[in-house]
Amino acid sequence: MKRLRLYLLSASIAASLCMTLTAQPPSQPKAAPRLVFWVTSTAWQDGGEIPMTNAARGENKSPAFEFHWNLGTDPGTAPENLQTYAVIFHDVENSSNKTTTDTLHGAAFNIPGKAKGLPEGLGAGDLSDGTRNGPGLGSRGGKTPAYFGPGAGPGPIHHYVFEFYALDTKLDLPANTTREELLKAMDGHVVGKAAWFGRFHAPSPQ
């Protein structure tokens, strides 16, 4: 009788375990790795202090950037539908004309999709590879659009950001377009986005 009870108890446990295992939901397949666009620069570390070389109060040279694509954690290649890149450089610390809009220092678009990055000291106006400098402080007063580096004076540090967009189209916009028009034209065409941050204020007078 004792053996029978042990046999029935074992059979009950085995049946319960089988039902528990059967009731488990099937494992979900792993999501495919996502293609990610990112940038690097040797001019300063991301989030670091912008050197005078790249400041309007210094040499006013635009920094060099390198473009990268990753498939998950592994190096990847740019998507086949990539056509151009665009960059918007602005000072997030300022408010223009009492609005929520910050200060746009410079922009460039129609950077060729085959580009591996941007060189230091990007030229002004329309470049031979199709890159077009757009709106920003560098085009004030009817000047040829160009990079305009950080210019914050002594005092609190200002924070700046370069926003990069990878696009599946070429933008049909004039150099004197506005930031709003540029963003509107890019909307619906962004296949990758990256950012690089920096801090700047002029040294205190000695």
N, C-alpha and C. Protein backbone atom coordinates (compact mmCIF):
# COMPACT_ATOMS: atom_id res chain seq x y z
N MET A 1 0.82 -1.21 0.00
CA MET A 1 0.00 0.00 0.00
C MET A 1 0.86 1.27 0.00
N LYS A 2 1.93 1.20 0.81
CA LYS A 2 2.84 2.35 0.90
C LYS A 2 3.49 2.63 -0.44
N ARG A 3 3.89 1.51 -1.14
CA ARG A 3 4.52 1.68 -2.44
C ARG A 3 3.55 2.29 -3.44
N LEU A 4 2.28 1.91 -3.33
CA LEU A 4 1.27 2.43 -4.24
C LEU A 4 1.09 3.93 -4.04
N ARG A 5 1.05 4.33 -2.75
CA ARG A 5 0.92 5.77 -2.48
C ARG A 5 2.12 6.55 -3.03
N LEU A 6 3.34 6.02 -2.85
CA LEU A 6 4.53 6.69 -3.39
C LEU A 6 4.49 6.76 -4.91
N TYR A 7 4.00 5.67 -5.51
CA TYR A 7 3.90 5.65 -6.98
C TYR A 7 2.90 6.70 -7.47
N LEU A 8 1.75 6.79 -6.81
CA LEU A 8 0.73 7.76 -7.20
C LEU A 8 1.22 9.20 -6.99
N LEU A 9 1.95 9.42 -5.87
CA LEU A 9 2.49 10.75 -5.59
C LEU A 9 3.51 11.16 -6.65
N SER A 10 4.38 10.24 -7.02
CA SER A 10 5.38 10.53 -8.05
C SER A 10 4.72 10.82 -9.39
N ALA A 11 3.69 10.02 -9.71
CA ALA A 11 2.99 10.24 -10.98
C ALA A 11 2.30 11.59 -11.00
N SER A 12 1.74 12.00 -9.83
CA SER A 12 1.06 13.29 -9.74
C SER A 12 2.05 14.45 -9.94
N ILE A 13 3.22 14.34 -9.31
CA ILE A 13 4.25 15.39 -9.45
C ILE A 13 4.73 15.48 -10.89
N ALA A 14 4.93 14.32 -11.51
CA ALA A 14 5.39 14.30 -12.89
C ALA A 14 4.36 14.93 -13.82
N ALA A 15 3.07 14.62 -13.57
CA ALA A 15 2.00 15.18 -14.40
C ALA A 15 1.92 16.70 -14.24
N SER A 16 2.07 17.17 -12.97
CA SER A 16 2.02 18.61 -12.71
C SER A 16 3.18 19.32 -13.39
N LEU A 17 4.37 18.72 -13.31
CA LEU A 17 5.55 19.31 -13.94
C LEU A 17 5.38 19.38 -15.44
N CYS A 18 4.81 18.33 -16.02
CA CYS A 18 4.59 18.29 -17.46
C CYS A 18 3.62 19.37 -17.90
N MET A 19 2.55 19.55 -17.10
CA MET A 19 1.56 20.58 -17.41
C MET A 19 2.17 21.97 -17.30
N THR A 20 3.04 22.16 -16.27
CA THR A 20 3.70 23.46 -16.08
C THR A 20 4.59 23.79 -17.25
N LEU A 21 5.38 22.80 -17.69
CA LEU A 21 6.28 23.02 -18.82
C LEU A 21 5.50 23.27 -20.10
N THR A 22 4.39 22.57 -20.26
CA THR A 22 3.58 22.72 -21.46
C THR A 22 2.92 24.10 -21.50
N ALA A 23 2.61 24.63 -20.31
CA ALA A 23 1.90 25.91 -20.24
C ALA A 23 2.81 27.11 -20.49
N GLN A 24 4.14 26.90 -20.46
CA GLN A 24 5.05 28.02 -20.67
C GLN A 24 4.90 28.56 -22.09
N PRO A 25 4.82 29.89 -22.22
CA PRO A 25 4.71 30.47 -23.57
C PRO A 25 5.98 30.21 -24.37
N PRO A 26 5.84 30.07 -25.67
CA PRO A 26 7.04 29.84 -26.49
C PRO A 26 7.99 31.03 -26.42
N SER A 27 9.29 30.76 -26.44
CA SER A 27 10.28 31.84 -26.37
C SER A 27 10.17 32.73 -27.61
N GLN A 28 10.29 34.03 -27.37
CA GLN A 28 10.19 34.99 -28.45
C GLN A 28 11.51 35.05 -29.22
N PRO A 29 11.45 35.13 -30.53
CA PRO A 29 12.69 35.25 -31.31
C PRO A 29 13.38 36.57 -31.00
N LYS A 30 14.69 36.56 -31.01
CA LYS A 30 15.45 37.78 -30.74
C LYS A 30 15.22 38.80 -31.86
N ALA A 31 15.09 40.07 -31.43
CA ALA A 31 14.89 41.13 -32.41
C ALA A 31 16.15 41.28 -33.25
N ALA A 32 15.95 41.55 -34.52
CA ALA A 32 17.09 41.75 -35.42
C ALA A 32 17.85 43.01 -35.00
N PRO A 33 19.18 43.01 -35.05
CA PRO A 33 19.94 44.20 -34.67
C PRO A 33 19.58 45.38 -35.56
N ARG A 34 19.58 46.56 -34.97
CA ARG A 34 19.18 47.77 -35.68
C ARG A 34 20.42 48.50 -36.21
N LEU A 35 20.30 49.07 -37.40
CA LEU A 35 21.38 49.84 -37.99
C LEU A 35 21.40 51.22 -37.35
N VAL A 36 22.56 51.60 -36.82
CA VAL A 36 22.68 52.85 -36.07
C VAL A 36 23.78 53.73 -36.67
N PHE A 37 23.48 55.01 -36.81
CA PHE A 37 24.43 56.01 -37.30
C PHE A 37 25.02 56.75 -36.11
N TRP A 38 26.34 56.96 -36.11
CA TRP A 38 26.98 57.70 -35.03
C TRP A 38 28.22 58.42 -35.57
N VAL A 39 28.70 59.41 -34.81
CA VAL A 39 29.84 60.22 -35.26
C VAL A 39 30.90 60.27 -34.17
N THR A 40 32.13 60.57 -34.60
CA THR A 40 33.22 60.82 -33.67
C THR A 40 34.00 62.04 -34.16
N SER A 41 34.80 62.60 -33.27
CA SER A 41 35.65 63.73 -33.62
C SER A 41 36.90 63.71 -32.75
N THR A 42 38.01 64.12 -33.33
CA THR A 42 39.25 64.23 -32.57
C THR A 42 39.45 65.66 -32.05
N ALA A 43 38.53 66.56 -32.40
CA ALA A 43 38.68 67.97 -31.99
C ALA A 43 38.52 68.13 -30.48
N TRP A 44 37.55 67.40 -29.89
CA TRP A 44 37.35 67.36 -28.45
C TRP A 44 36.49 66.14 -28.14
N GLN A 45 36.52 65.69 -26.92
CA GLN A 45 35.68 64.57 -26.51
C GLN A 45 34.23 64.99 -26.47
N ASP A 46 33.34 64.07 -26.78
CA ASP A 46 31.92 64.37 -26.73
C ASP A 46 31.56 64.91 -25.35
N GLY A 47 30.98 66.12 -25.33
CA GLY A 47 30.63 66.76 -24.07
C GLY A 47 31.75 67.58 -23.46
N GLY A 48 32.93 67.56 -24.09
CA GLY A 48 34.08 68.27 -23.55
C GLY A 48 34.11 69.75 -23.95
N GLU A 49 35.18 70.42 -23.57
CA GLU A 49 35.31 71.85 -23.85
C GLU A 49 35.84 72.07 -25.27
N ILE A 50 35.17 72.94 -25.98
CA ILE A 50 35.53 73.24 -27.37
C ILE A 50 36.77 74.12 -27.39
N PRO A 51 37.82 73.74 -28.12
CA PRO A 51 39.05 74.54 -28.15
C PRO A 51 38.88 75.83 -28.95
N MET A 52 39.77 76.77 -28.72
CA MET A 52 39.71 78.05 -29.42
C MET A 52 39.88 77.88 -30.93
N THR A 53 40.53 76.80 -31.35
CA THR A 53 40.67 76.55 -32.79
C THR A 53 39.32 76.54 -33.48
N ASN A 54 38.31 76.02 -32.79
CA ASN A 54 36.98 75.87 -33.37
C ASN A 54 36.00 76.94 -32.91
N ALA A 55 36.49 77.95 -32.18
CA ALA A 55 35.63 79.00 -31.66
C ALA A 55 35.69 80.24 -32.54
N ALA A 56 34.58 80.98 -32.57
CA ALA A 56 34.53 82.22 -33.34
C ALA A 56 35.53 83.23 -32.79
N ARG A 57 35.82 83.15 -31.51
CA ARG A 57 36.78 84.06 -30.89
C ARG A 57 38.22 83.61 -31.13
N GLY A 58 38.38 82.44 -31.77
CA GLY A 58 39.71 81.93 -32.07
C GLY A 58 39.91 81.82 -33.58
N GLU A 59 40.25 80.63 -34.06
CA GLU A 59 40.51 80.44 -35.49
C GLU A 59 39.24 80.21 -36.30
N ASN A 60 38.15 79.93 -35.61
CA ASN A 60 36.84 79.75 -36.26
C ASN A 60 36.86 78.66 -37.34
N LYS A 61 37.57 77.57 -37.07
CA LYS A 61 37.57 76.43 -37.99
C LYS A 61 36.52 75.43 -37.55
N SER A 62 35.73 74.93 -38.48
CA SER A 62 34.78 73.89 -38.14
C SER A 62 35.55 72.61 -37.80
N PRO A 63 35.09 71.84 -36.82
CA PRO A 63 35.80 70.62 -36.45
C PRO A 63 35.60 69.51 -37.47
N ALA A 64 36.55 68.59 -37.50
CA ALA A 64 36.43 67.40 -38.35
C ALA A 64 35.57 66.36 -37.64
N PHE A 65 34.78 65.63 -38.43
CA PHE A 65 33.96 64.55 -37.90
C PHE A 65 34.13 63.32 -38.77
N GLU A 66 33.97 62.15 -38.16
CA GLU A 66 33.95 60.89 -38.91
C GLU A 66 32.57 60.25 -38.74
N PHE A 67 32.03 59.71 -39.83
CA PHE A 67 30.72 59.06 -39.81
C PHE A 67 30.90 57.55 -39.66
N HIS A 68 30.04 56.93 -38.86
CA HIS A 68 30.10 55.50 -38.63
C HIS A 68 28.69 54.90 -38.68
N TRP A 69 28.63 53.62 -39.05
CA TRP A 69 27.38 52.87 -38.99
C TRP A 69 27.64 51.56 -38.26
N ASN A 70 26.74 51.20 -37.37
CA ASN A 70 26.83 49.94 -36.65
C ASN A 70 25.55 49.12 -36.85
N LEU A 71 25.71 47.80 -36.95
CA LEU A 71 24.59 46.89 -36.95
C LEU A 71 24.60 46.21 -35.60
N GLY A 72 23.79 46.74 -34.69
CA GLY A 72 23.88 46.31 -33.30
C GLY A 72 25.22 46.77 -32.73
N THR A 73 26.00 45.82 -32.20
CA THR A 73 27.32 46.17 -31.65
C THR A 73 28.44 45.97 -32.66
N ASP A 74 28.10 45.49 -33.84
CA ASP A 74 29.11 45.22 -34.85
C ASP A 74 29.17 46.34 -35.89
N PRO A 75 30.35 46.58 -36.48
CA PRO A 75 30.44 47.56 -37.56
C PRO A 75 29.50 47.19 -38.69
N GLY A 76 28.86 48.20 -39.26
CA GLY A 76 27.93 47.97 -40.36
C GLY A 76 28.23 48.89 -41.52
N THR A 77 27.41 48.81 -42.53
CA THR A 77 27.54 49.69 -43.70
C THR A 77 26.29 50.56 -43.80
N ALA A 78 26.45 51.70 -44.41
CA ALA A 78 25.33 52.64 -44.56
C ALA A 78 24.20 51.99 -45.36
N PRO A 79 22.97 52.37 -45.09
CA PRO A 79 21.85 51.78 -45.83
C PRO A 79 21.90 52.14 -47.30
N GLU A 80 21.35 51.27 -48.13
CA GLU A 80 21.41 51.47 -49.58
C GLU A 80 20.65 52.73 -50.02
N ASN A 81 19.63 53.12 -49.24
CA ASN A 81 18.84 54.28 -49.64
C ASN A 81 19.40 55.60 -49.13
N LEU A 82 20.57 55.56 -48.47
CA LEU A 82 21.20 56.80 -48.02
C LEU A 82 21.63 57.63 -49.22
N GLN A 83 21.25 58.91 -49.23
CA GLN A 83 21.66 59.80 -50.32
C GLN A 83 22.51 60.97 -49.83
N THR A 84 22.12 61.59 -48.71
CA THR A 84 22.87 62.75 -48.23
C THR A 84 22.88 62.79 -46.71
N TYR A 85 23.77 63.65 -46.19
CA TYR A 85 23.79 63.99 -44.77
C TYR A 85 23.51 65.48 -44.61
N ALA A 86 23.06 65.85 -43.43
CA ALA A 86 22.89 67.26 -43.08
C ALA A 86 23.37 67.44 -41.64
N VAL A 87 23.81 68.64 -41.30
CA VAL A 87 24.23 68.94 -39.94
C VAL A 87 23.70 70.31 -39.54
N ILE A 88 23.24 70.39 -38.31
CA ILE A 88 22.75 71.65 -37.72
C ILE A 88 23.54 71.87 -36.44
N PHE A 89 24.14 73.05 -36.31
CA PHE A 89 25.00 73.38 -35.17
C PHE A 89 24.38 74.55 -34.42
N HIS A 90 24.03 74.34 -33.14
CA HIS A 90 23.37 75.42 -32.41
C HIS A 90 23.79 75.47 -30.94
N ASP A 91 23.57 76.66 -30.36
CA ASP A 91 23.85 76.95 -28.96
C ASP A 91 22.54 76.78 -28.20
N VAL A 92 22.43 75.73 -27.40
CA VAL A 92 21.16 75.46 -26.72
C VAL A 92 20.94 76.37 -25.52
N GLU A 93 21.93 77.17 -25.18
CA GLU A 93 21.83 78.03 -23.99
C GLU A 93 21.05 79.32 -24.27
N ASN A 94 21.02 79.75 -25.53
CA ASN A 94 20.41 81.04 -25.86
C ASN A 94 18.95 80.91 -26.25
N SER A 95 18.20 81.98 -26.02
CA SER A 95 16.83 82.09 -26.50
C SER A 95 16.78 83.28 -27.45
N SER A 96 16.32 83.04 -28.70
CA SER A 96 16.30 84.10 -29.70
C SER A 96 14.98 84.86 -29.67
N ASN A 97 15.07 86.16 -29.50
CA ASN A 97 13.89 87.04 -29.53
C ASN A 97 12.78 86.58 -28.58
N LYS A 98 13.17 86.17 -27.38
CA LYS A 98 12.24 85.76 -26.33
C LYS A 98 11.39 84.55 -26.72
N THR A 99 11.87 83.74 -27.65
CA THR A 99 11.13 82.55 -28.08
C THR A 99 11.81 81.30 -27.53
N THR A 100 11.24 80.15 -27.85
CA THR A 100 11.84 78.88 -27.44
C THR A 100 12.92 78.43 -28.42
N THR A 101 13.14 79.21 -29.47
CA THR A 101 14.16 78.88 -30.47
C THR A 101 15.53 79.30 -29.99
N ASP A 102 16.50 78.39 -30.06
CA ASP A 102 17.85 78.73 -29.62
C ASP A 102 18.65 79.31 -30.79
N THR A 103 19.92 79.59 -30.56
CA THR A 103 20.74 80.26 -31.56
C THR A 103 21.38 79.27 -32.52
N LEU A 104 21.04 79.40 -33.80
CA LEU A 104 21.61 78.56 -34.84
C LEU A 104 22.93 79.15 -35.31
N HIS A 105 24.01 78.43 -35.12
CA HIS A 105 25.32 78.92 -35.54
C HIS A 105 25.63 78.58 -36.99
N GLY A 106 25.15 77.45 -37.44
CA GLY A 106 25.44 77.07 -38.81
C GLY A 106 24.73 75.79 -39.19
N ALA A 107 24.67 75.54 -40.49
CA ALA A 107 24.05 74.32 -41.00
C ALA A 107 24.67 74.00 -42.36
N ALA A 108 24.67 72.75 -42.70
CA ALA A 108 25.12 72.32 -44.02
C ALA A 108 24.28 71.12 -44.42
N PHE A 109 23.95 71.01 -45.70
CA PHE A 109 23.14 69.89 -46.15
C PHE A 109 23.58 69.46 -47.54
N ASN A 110 23.00 68.37 -48.01
CA ASN A 110 23.40 67.72 -49.27
C ASN A 110 24.86 67.28 -49.25
N ILE A 111 25.35 66.97 -48.04
CA ILE A 111 26.66 66.32 -47.92
C ILE A 111 26.52 64.94 -48.54
N PRO A 112 27.36 64.56 -49.49
CA PRO A 112 27.16 63.29 -50.21
C PRO A 112 27.06 62.08 -49.28
N GLY A 113 26.17 61.15 -49.61
CA GLY A 113 25.99 59.96 -48.80
C GLY A 113 27.23 59.08 -48.75
N LYS A 114 28.11 59.21 -49.74
CA LYS A 114 29.35 58.41 -49.75
C LYS A 114 30.43 59.02 -48.85
N ALA A 115 30.17 60.21 -48.31
CA ALA A 115 31.17 60.87 -47.45
C ALA A 115 31.41 60.05 -46.20
N LYS A 116 32.65 60.00 -45.78
CA LYS A 116 33.03 59.28 -44.57
C LYS A 116 33.10 60.22 -43.36
N GLY A 117 32.84 61.51 -43.61
CA GLY A 117 32.88 62.48 -42.53
C GLY A 117 32.99 63.88 -43.10
N LEU A 118 33.36 64.81 -42.23
CA LEU A 118 33.56 66.21 -42.63
C LEU A 118 34.99 66.61 -42.29
N PRO A 119 35.66 67.33 -43.18
CA PRO A 119 37.03 67.76 -42.88
C PRO A 119 37.02 68.96 -41.94
N GLU A 120 38.16 69.21 -41.29
CA GLU A 120 38.30 70.42 -40.50
C GLU A 120 38.30 71.62 -41.44
N GLY A 121 37.72 72.70 -40.99
CA GLY A 121 37.73 73.92 -41.78
C GLY A 121 36.90 73.81 -43.04
N LEU A 122 35.67 73.35 -42.91
CA LEU A 122 34.78 73.22 -44.06
C LEU A 122 34.63 74.57 -44.76
N GLY A 123 34.74 74.58 -46.09
CA GLY A 123 34.65 75.83 -46.84
C GLY A 123 33.27 76.46 -46.78
N ALA A 124 33.18 77.71 -47.19
CA ALA A 124 31.92 78.45 -47.17
C ALA A 124 31.15 78.24 -48.47
N GLY A 125 29.85 78.55 -48.43
CA GLY A 125 29.03 78.53 -49.63
C GLY A 125 28.77 77.12 -50.15
N ASP A 126 28.59 77.03 -51.48
CA ASP A 126 28.38 75.74 -52.13
C ASP A 126 29.72 75.11 -52.47
N LEU A 127 29.91 73.86 -52.09
CA LEU A 127 31.18 73.18 -52.31
C LEU A 127 31.12 72.27 -53.52
N SER A 128 32.29 71.89 -54.03
CA SER A 128 32.36 71.13 -55.28
C SER A 128 31.72 69.75 -55.20
N ASP A 129 31.63 69.18 -53.98
CA ASP A 129 31.03 67.84 -53.85
C ASP A 129 29.52 67.88 -53.70
N GLY A 130 28.93 69.09 -53.78
CA GLY A 130 27.49 69.23 -53.65
C GLY A 130 27.03 69.72 -52.29
N THR A 131 27.93 69.72 -51.30
CA THR A 131 27.57 70.23 -49.97
C THR A 131 27.19 71.70 -50.06
N ARG A 132 26.13 72.05 -49.39
CA ARG A 132 25.66 73.45 -49.39
C ARG A 132 25.59 73.95 -47.96
N ASN A 133 26.33 75.01 -47.66
CA ASN A 133 26.20 75.67 -46.36
C ASN A 133 24.88 76.43 -46.34
N GLY A 134 24.19 76.32 -45.19
CA GLY A 134 22.87 76.91 -45.09
C GLY A 134 22.77 77.97 -44.01
N PRO A 135 21.60 78.05 -43.37
CA PRO A 135 21.33 79.15 -42.43
C PRO A 135 22.21 79.09 -41.19
N GLY A 136 22.38 80.25 -40.57
CA GLY A 136 23.16 80.34 -39.34
C GLY A 136 23.75 81.73 -39.18
N LEU A 137 24.48 81.93 -38.09
CA LEU A 137 25.08 83.23 -37.82
C LEU A 137 26.08 83.63 -38.90
N GLY A 138 26.69 82.64 -39.55
CA GLY A 138 27.69 82.93 -40.57
C GLY A 138 27.13 83.57 -41.82
N SER A 139 25.80 83.54 -41.98
CA SER A 139 25.20 84.12 -43.19
C SER A 139 24.52 85.46 -42.91
N ARG A 140 24.69 86.00 -41.72
CA ARG A 140 24.07 87.29 -41.40
C ARG A 140 24.63 88.40 -42.28
N GLY A 141 23.77 89.36 -42.56
CA GLY A 141 24.20 90.52 -43.34
C GLY A 141 24.50 90.19 -44.79
N GLY A 142 23.89 89.10 -45.30
CA GLY A 142 24.10 88.75 -46.70
C GLY A 142 25.42 88.08 -46.99
N LYS A 143 26.15 87.67 -45.96
CA LYS A 143 27.43 86.99 -46.17
C LYS A 143 27.22 85.60 -46.74
N THR A 144 28.25 85.07 -47.38
CA THR A 144 28.21 83.70 -47.87
C THR A 144 28.07 82.76 -46.68
N PRO A 145 27.08 81.88 -46.68
CA PRO A 145 26.87 80.99 -45.53
C PRO A 145 28.12 80.18 -45.20
N ALA A 146 28.42 80.10 -43.92
CA ALA A 146 29.63 79.40 -43.48
C ALA A 146 29.50 79.04 -42.01
N TYR A 147 30.40 78.20 -41.56
CA TYR A 147 30.48 77.83 -40.14
C TYR A 147 30.75 79.08 -39.30
N PHE A 148 30.09 79.16 -38.14
CA PHE A 148 30.32 80.24 -37.19
C PHE A 148 30.45 79.58 -35.82
N GLY A 149 31.68 79.57 -35.30
CA GLY A 149 31.97 78.84 -34.07
C GLY A 149 31.40 79.46 -32.83
N PRO A 150 31.54 78.77 -31.69
CA PRO A 150 31.05 79.27 -30.42
C PRO A 150 31.63 80.64 -30.10
N GLY A 151 30.80 81.50 -29.50
CA GLY A 151 31.26 82.85 -29.20
C GLY A 151 30.88 83.33 -27.82
N ALA A 152 30.46 82.44 -26.94
CA ALA A 152 30.05 82.85 -25.60
C ALA A 152 31.20 83.55 -24.88
N GLY A 153 30.89 84.66 -24.22
CA GLY A 153 31.90 85.42 -23.51
C GLY A 153 32.26 84.80 -22.18
N PRO A 154 33.13 85.46 -21.41
CA PRO A 154 33.48 84.96 -20.09
C PRO A 154 32.22 84.86 -19.23
N GLY A 155 32.20 83.88 -18.36
CA GLY A 155 31.02 83.69 -17.51
C GLY A 155 30.53 82.27 -17.61
N PRO A 156 29.23 82.06 -17.43
CA PRO A 156 28.69 80.69 -17.47
C PRO A 156 28.99 80.00 -18.80
N ILE A 157 29.26 78.72 -18.73
CA ILE A 157 29.55 77.93 -19.93
C ILE A 157 28.28 77.75 -20.75
N HIS A 158 28.40 77.88 -22.06
CA HIS A 158 27.30 77.57 -22.97
C HIS A 158 27.49 76.16 -23.52
N HIS A 159 26.36 75.53 -23.83
CA HIS A 159 26.37 74.17 -24.35
C HIS A 159 25.96 74.17 -25.81
N TYR A 160 26.73 73.47 -26.62
CA TYR A 160 26.53 73.46 -28.07
C TYR A 160 26.33 72.02 -28.53
N VAL A 161 25.59 71.88 -29.62
CA VAL A 161 25.37 70.54 -30.15
C VAL A 161 25.41 70.57 -31.68
N PHE A 162 26.10 69.57 -32.24
CA PHE A 162 26.06 69.31 -33.67
C PHE A 162 25.08 68.15 -33.87
N GLU A 163 24.01 68.38 -34.58
CA GLU A 163 23.04 67.32 -34.88
C GLU A 163 23.24 66.88 -36.32
N PHE A 164 23.47 65.60 -36.50
CA PHE A 164 23.70 65.03 -37.83
C PHE A 164 22.49 64.19 -38.25
N TYR A 165 22.09 64.35 -39.50
CA TYR A 165 20.97 63.59 -40.05
C TYR A 165 21.43 62.86 -41.30
N ALA A 166 21.15 61.57 -41.36
CA ALA A 166 21.36 60.78 -42.58
C ALA A 166 20.01 60.70 -43.29
N LEU A 167 19.99 61.05 -44.58
CA LEU A 167 18.72 61.20 -45.29
C LEU A 167 18.65 60.31 -46.52
N ASP A 168 17.44 59.92 -46.87
CA ASP A 168 17.24 59.12 -48.08
C ASP A 168 16.86 59.99 -49.28
N THR A 169 17.22 61.27 -49.21
CA THR A 169 16.89 62.19 -50.29
C THR A 169 17.92 63.31 -50.36
N LYS A 170 17.93 64.02 -51.48
CA LYS A 170 18.70 65.24 -51.63
C LYS A 170 17.73 66.40 -51.49
N LEU A 171 18.13 67.42 -50.75
CA LEU A 171 17.22 68.52 -50.44
C LEU A 171 17.26 69.60 -51.51
N ASP A 172 16.11 69.95 -52.01
CA ASP A 172 15.99 71.02 -53.02
C ASP A 172 15.68 72.32 -52.30
N LEU A 173 16.72 72.87 -51.68
CA LEU A 173 16.57 74.09 -50.89
C LEU A 173 17.68 75.08 -51.23
N PRO A 174 17.38 76.38 -51.19
CA PRO A 174 18.43 77.37 -51.42
C PRO A 174 19.29 77.54 -50.17
N ALA A 175 20.46 78.13 -50.34
CA ALA A 175 21.36 78.34 -49.21
C ALA A 175 20.74 79.25 -48.15
N ASN A 176 19.87 80.18 -48.58
CA ASN A 176 19.27 81.12 -47.63
C ASN A 176 17.96 80.60 -47.05
N THR A 177 17.78 79.29 -47.04
CA THR A 177 16.61 78.70 -46.40
C THR A 177 16.65 78.96 -44.90
N THR A 178 15.57 78.70 -44.20
CA THR A 178 15.53 78.85 -42.75
C THR A 178 15.69 77.48 -42.08
N ARG A 179 15.99 77.51 -40.79
CA ARG A 179 16.09 76.25 -40.06
C ARG A 179 14.75 75.50 -40.10
N GLU A 180 13.65 76.24 -39.97
CA GLU A 180 12.33 75.61 -39.99
C GLU A 180 12.08 74.92 -41.33
N GLU A 181 12.46 75.57 -42.42
CA GLU A 181 12.27 74.97 -43.75
C GLU A 181 13.17 73.75 -43.93
N LEU A 182 14.37 73.84 -43.39
CA LEU A 182 15.31 72.73 -43.49
C LEU A 182 14.78 71.51 -42.74
N LEU A 183 14.31 71.71 -41.51
CA LEU A 183 13.78 70.61 -40.72
C LEU A 183 12.54 70.00 -41.38
N LYS A 184 11.69 70.87 -41.93
CA LYS A 184 10.48 70.38 -42.60
C LYS A 184 10.83 69.53 -43.81
N ALA A 185 11.83 69.96 -44.57
CA ALA A 185 12.23 69.21 -45.77
C ALA A 185 12.83 67.86 -45.40
N MET A 186 13.50 67.75 -44.23
CA MET A 186 14.11 66.50 -43.81
C MET A 186 13.09 65.54 -43.22
N ASP A 187 11.99 66.07 -42.72
CA ASP A 187 10.99 65.25 -42.04
C ASP A 187 10.48 64.13 -42.97
N GLY A 188 10.49 62.91 -42.47
CA GLY A 188 10.06 61.77 -43.26
C GLY A 188 11.16 61.14 -44.09
N HIS A 189 12.38 61.69 -44.02
CA HIS A 189 13.49 61.17 -44.82
C HIS A 189 14.70 60.78 -43.97
N VAL A 190 14.57 60.81 -42.65
CA VAL A 190 15.70 60.55 -41.76
C VAL A 190 15.88 59.04 -41.58
N VAL A 191 17.03 58.53 -41.99
CA VAL A 191 17.34 57.10 -41.82
C VAL A 191 18.40 56.88 -40.75
N GLY A 192 18.87 57.96 -40.14
CA GLY A 192 19.83 57.87 -39.05
C GLY A 192 20.08 59.25 -38.46
N LYS A 193 20.34 59.31 -37.18
CA LYS A 193 20.61 60.59 -36.53
C LYS A 193 21.68 60.40 -35.46
N ALA A 194 22.56 61.40 -35.34
CA ALA A 194 23.63 61.35 -34.34
C ALA A 194 23.86 62.75 -33.80
N ALA A 195 24.58 62.86 -32.70
CA ALA A 195 24.86 64.17 -32.11
C ALA A 195 26.23 64.17 -31.45
N TRP A 196 26.82 65.35 -31.39
CA TRP A 196 28.11 65.56 -30.72
C TRP A 196 28.01 66.86 -29.94
N PHE A 197 28.36 66.82 -28.65
CA PHE A 197 28.16 67.95 -27.76
C PHE A 197 29.48 68.60 -27.37
N GLY A 198 29.40 69.88 -27.02
CA GLY A 198 30.57 70.60 -26.55
C GLY A 198 30.19 71.76 -25.65
N ARG A 199 31.16 72.22 -24.87
CA ARG A 199 30.95 73.35 -23.96
C ARG A 199 31.96 74.45 -24.28
N PHE A 200 31.54 75.71 -24.09
CA PHE A 200 32.49 76.80 -24.38
C PHE A 200 32.09 78.07 -23.64
N HIS A 201 33.11 78.77 -23.16
CA HIS A 201 33.01 80.19 -22.82
C HIS A 201 34.42 80.77 -22.94
N ALA A 202 34.47 82.06 -23.26
CA ALA A 202 35.78 82.70 -23.45
C ALA A 202 36.52 82.79 -22.12
N PRO A 203 37.85 82.73 -22.17
CA PRO A 203 38.62 82.88 -20.92
C PRO A 203 38.37 84.25 -20.29
N SER A 204 38.42 84.29 -18.98
CA SER A 204 38.26 85.57 -18.29
C SER A 204 39.46 86.46 -18.57
N PRO A 205 39.22 87.76 -18.71
CA PRO A 205 40.35 88.67 -18.97
C PRO A 205 41.34 88.65 -17.79
N GLN A 206 42.60 88.71 -18.14
CA GLN A 206 43.66 88.68 -17.10
C GLN A 206 43.81 90.05 -16.45
